[in-house]
C-alpha atoms as a PDB file:
ATOM      1  CA  UNK A   1      -0.004  -0.269   0.012  1.00  0.00           C
ATOM      2  CA  UNK A   2       1.288   3.384  -1.010  1.00  0.00           C
ATOM      3  CA  UNK A   3       2.091   5.755   1.990  1.00  0.00           C
ATOM      4  CA  UNK A   4       2.897   9.626   2.405  1.00  0.00           C
ATOM      5  CA  UNK A   5       5.803   9.697   4.681  1.00  0.00           C
ATOM      6  CA  UNK A   6       6.273  12.891   6.336  1.00  0.00           C
ATOM      7  CA  UNK A   7       9.188  14.198   8.755  1.00  0.00           C
ATOM      8  CA  UNK A   8      10.605  17.361  10.071  1.00  0.00           C
ATOM      9  CA  UNK A   9       7.444  18.243  13.432  1.00  0.00           C
ATOM     10  CA  UNK A  10       8.422  18.969  16.892  1.00  0.00           C
ATOM     11  CA  UNK A  11       8.403  21.822  19.249  1.00  0.00           C
ATOM     12  CA  UNK A  12       9.705  25.132  18.128  1.00  0.00           C
ATOM     13  CA  UNK A  13       9.216  28.771  19.782  1.00  0.00           C
ATOM     14  CA  UNK A  14       6.969  31.538  18.441  1.00  0.00           C
ATOM     15  CA  UNK A  15       8.399  33.237  15.789  1.00  0.00           C
ATOM     16  CA  UNK A  16      11.040  30.492  14.943  1.00  0.00           C
ATOM     17  CA  UNK A  17      10.658  28.078  11.315  1.00  0.00           C
ATOM     18  CA  UNK A  18      10.181  24.831  10.683  1.00  0.00           C
ATOM     19  CA  UNK A  19      10.456  22.872   7.324  1.00  0.00           C
ATOM     20  CA  UNK A  20       8.265  19.715   6.877  1.00  0.00           C
ATOM     21  CA  UNK A  21       8.989  17.013   4.157  1.00  0.00           C
ATOM     22  CA  UNK A  22       6.913  14.636   2.535  1.00  0.00           C
ATOM     23  CA  UNK A  23       7.610  11.714   0.138  1.00  0.00           C
ATOM     24  CA  UNK A  24       6.085   9.013  -1.135  1.00  0.00           C
ATOM     25  CA  UNK A  25       6.805   5.073  -0.197  1.00  0.00           C
ATOM     26  CA  UNK A  26       6.575   4.040  -4.068  1.00  0.00           C
ATOM     27  CA  UNK A  27       5.500   5.784  -6.933  1.00  0.00           C
ATOM     28  CA  UNK A  28       2.105   7.012  -7.154  1.00  0.00           C
ATOM     29  CA  UNK A  29       0.767   7.292 -10.967  1.00  0.00           C
ATOM     30  CA  UNK A  30      -0.544  10.093 -12.290  1.00  0.00           C
ATOM     31  CA  UNK A  31      -0.298  12.862  -9.122  1.00  0.00           C
ATOM     32  CA  UNK A  32      -1.474  16.192 -10.322  1.00  0.00           C
ATOM     33  CA  UNK A  33      -1.288  17.842  -6.746  1.00  0.00           C
ATOM     34  CA  UNK A  34       0.057  17.926  -3.337  1.00  0.00           C
ATOM     35  CA  UNK A  35      -0.654  19.433  -0.352  1.00  0.00           C
ATOM     36  CA  UNK A  36      -0.503  20.022   3.252  1.00  0.00           C
ATOM     37  CA  UNK A  37      -3.253  19.931   5.540  1.00  0.00           C
ATOM     38  CA  UNK A  38      -3.747  20.796   9.427  1.00  0.00           C
ATOM     39  CA  UNK A  39      -5.878  19.796  12.367  1.00  0.00           C
ATOM     40  CA  UNK A  40      -5.723  21.274  15.651  1.00  0.00           C
ATOM     41  CA  UNK A  41      -7.121  19.870  18.391  1.00  0.00           C
ATOM     42  CA  UNK A  42     -10.976  20.342  18.319  1.00  0.00           C
ATOM     43  CA  UNK A  43     -11.100  21.749  15.175  1.00  0.00           C
ATOM     44  CA  UNK A  44     -11.872  20.502  11.766  1.00  0.00           C
ATOM     45  CA  UNK A  45      -8.451  19.519   9.180  1.00  0.00           C
ATOM     46  CA  UNK A  46      -8.191  22.174   6.618  1.00  0.00           C
ATOM     47  CA  UNK A  47      -6.049  22.704   3.890  1.00  0.00           C
ATOM     48  CA  UNK A  48      -3.042  25.271   4.207  1.00  0.00           C
ATOM     49  CA  UNK A  49      -0.950  24.841   0.971  1.00  0.00           C
ATOM     50  CA  UNK A  50      -1.330  23.011  -2.536  1.00  0.00           C
ATOM     51  CA  UNK A  51       1.131  22.928  -5.297  1.00  0.00           C
ATOM     52  CA  UNK A  52      -0.358  21.661  -8.903  1.00  0.00           C
ATOM     53  CA  UNK A  53       1.600  19.870 -11.371  1.00  0.00           C
ATOM     54  CA  UNK A  54       1.729  23.056 -13.121  1.00  0.00           C
ATOM     55  CA  UNK A  55       3.783  24.552 -10.435  1.00  0.00           C
ATOM     56  CA  UNK A  56       0.845  26.922  -9.301  1.00  0.00           C
ATOM     57  CA  UNK A  57       0.483  27.184  -5.658  1.00  0.00           C
ATOM     58  CA  UNK A  58      -2.042  28.325  -3.489  1.00  0.00           C
ATOM     59  CA  UNK A  59      -2.346  29.021   0.765  1.00  0.00           C
ATOM     60  CA  UNK A  60      -4.735  29.532   3.152  1.00  0.00           C
ATOM     61  CA  UNK A  61      -4.934  33.402   4.532  1.00  0.00           C
ATOM     62  CA  UNK A  62      -4.104  31.903   7.728  1.00  0.00           C
ATOM     63  CA  UNK A  63      -0.406  30.685   6.422  1.00  0.00           C
ATOM     64  CA  UNK A  64      -0.097  33.118   3.422  1.00  0.00           C
ATOM     65  CA  UNK A  65       3.185  34.976   3.556  1.00  0.00           C
ATOM     66  CA  UNK A  66       4.524  32.843   6.243  1.00  0.00           C
ATOM     67  CA  UNK A  67       4.429  29.427   4.746  1.00  0.00           C
ATOM     68  CA  UNK A  68       5.999  28.140   1.155  1.00  0.00           C
ATOM     69  CA  UNK A  69       5.072  24.899  -0.319  1.00  0.00           C
ATOM     70  CA  UNK A  70       7.433  23.366  -2.950  1.00  0.00           C
ATOM     71  CA  UNK A  71       8.069  20.207  -4.423  1.00  0.00           C
ATOM     72  CA  UNK A  72       8.489  17.593  -7.354  1.00  0.00           C
ATOM     73  CA  UNK A  73       4.825  16.425  -8.002  1.00  0.00           C
ATOM     74  CA  UNK A  74       6.075  13.643 -10.664  1.00  0.00           C
ATOM     75  CA  UNK A  75       8.501  11.931  -8.275  1.00  0.00           C
ATOM     76  CA  UNK A  76       5.914  12.588  -5.390  1.00  0.00           C
ATOM     77  CA  UNK A  77       7.603  14.784  -3.326  1.00  0.00           C
ATOM     78  CA  UNK A  78       6.645  17.901  -1.388  1.00  0.00           C
ATOM     79  CA  UNK A  79       8.233  20.437   1.357  1.00  0.00           C
ATOM     80  CA  UNK A  80       6.174  22.843   3.573  1.00  0.00           C
ATOM     81  CA  UNK A  81       8.756  25.828   5.052  1.00  0.00           C
ATOM     82  CA  UNK A  82       7.355  27.728   7.697  1.00  0.00           C
ATOM     83  CA  UNK A  83       8.446  31.032   9.385  1.00  0.00           C
ATOM     84  CA  UNK A  84       7.250  33.335  11.619  1.00  0.00           C
ATOM     85  CA  UNK A  85       5.569  30.476  13.612  1.00  0.00           C
ATOM     86  CA  UNK A  86       2.460  31.565  15.916  1.00  0.00           C
ATOM     87  CA  UNK A  87       1.190  29.526  18.713  1.00  0.00           C
ATOM     88  CA  UNK A  88      -2.357  28.988  16.964  1.00  0.00           C
ATOM     89  CA  UNK A  89      -0.351  26.866  14.377  1.00  0.00           C
ATOM     90  CA  UNK A  90      -0.114  24.313  16.553  1.00  0.00           C
ATOM     91  CA  UNK A  91      -1.936  21.329  14.921  1.00  0.00           C
ATOM     92  CA  UNK A  92      -1.064  18.137  13.515  1.00  0.00           C
ATOM     93  CA  UNK A  93       0.264  18.398   9.952  1.00  0.00           C
ATOM     94  CA  UNK A  94      -0.752  16.130   6.817  1.00  0.00           C
ATOM     95  CA  UNK A  95       0.729  15.561   3.796  1.00  0.00           C
ATOM     96  CA  UNK A  96      -1.616  14.309   0.814  1.00  0.00           C
ATOM     97  CA  UNK A  97      -1.836  13.826  -2.640  1.00  0.00           C
ATOM     98  CA  UNK A  98      -4.338  13.843  -5.445  1.00  0.00           C
ATOM     99  CA  UNK A  99      -4.633  11.445  -8.619  1.00  0.00           C
ATOM    100  CA  UNK A 100      -6.109  12.660 -12.143  1.00  0.00           C
ATOM    101  CA  UNK A 101      -9.664  11.850 -11.855  1.00  0.00           C
ATOM    102  CA  UNK A 102      -9.829  12.402  -8.193  1.00  0.00           C
ATOM    103  CA  UNK A 103     -12.241  14.814  -6.713  1.00  0.00           C
ATOM    104  CA  UNK A 104     -10.207  15.083  -3.474  1.00  0.00           C
ATOM    105  CA  UNK A 105      -6.914  14.276  -2.275  1.00  0.00           C
ATOM    106  CA  UNK A 106      -7.216  10.674  -2.397  1.00  0.00           C
ATOM    107  CA  UNK A 107      -3.346   9.254  -0.160  1.00  0.00           C
ATOM    108  CA  UNK A 108      -2.375  10.845   3.191  1.00  0.00           C
ATOM    109  CA  UNK A 109       0.420  10.764   5.334  1.00  0.00           C
ATOM    110  CA  UNK A 110      -0.112   9.530   8.864  1.00  0.00           C
ATOM    111  CA  UNK A 111       0.577  13.385  10.174  1.00  0.00           C
ATOM    112  CA  UNK A 112       3.393  15.036  12.157  1.00  0.00           C
ATOM    113  CA  UNK A 113       2.871  17.036  15.059  1.00  0.00           C
ATOM    114  CA  UNK A 114       3.932  20.349  15.203  1.00  0.00           C
ATOM    115  CA  UNK A 115       3.538  22.569  18.781  1.00  0.00           C
ATOM    116  CA  UNK A 116       4.751  26.094  18.516  1.00  0.00           C
ATOM    117  CA  UNK A 117       5.305  27.008  22.478  1.00  0.00           C
ATOM    118  CA  UNK A 118       7.934  29.207  24.477  1.00  0.00           C
END
């Protein structure tokens, strides 16, 4: 079974930076988008950044200007560079991939915890 494997989570102080990485455990054919979701305690999972096979990116307003998504869709790798982190960024972060003809993201990582606290 194909999995997305995330790395790079942990504890960081407010104002700090962190980079998450994600890669597929084996090749997934026809990926046309990869993204990062996060879920804070008691809240719904939200899409915060997406990168398309065209290279286009989009961000949730809550992270725009602070987070940068990059990656190689063809290779199934994606990164999320996070700067100026705030306590409200504390959440479990999930890597995801969407294949052609899928209406929603259909591959998921196991999630990695990020805690922003002094």
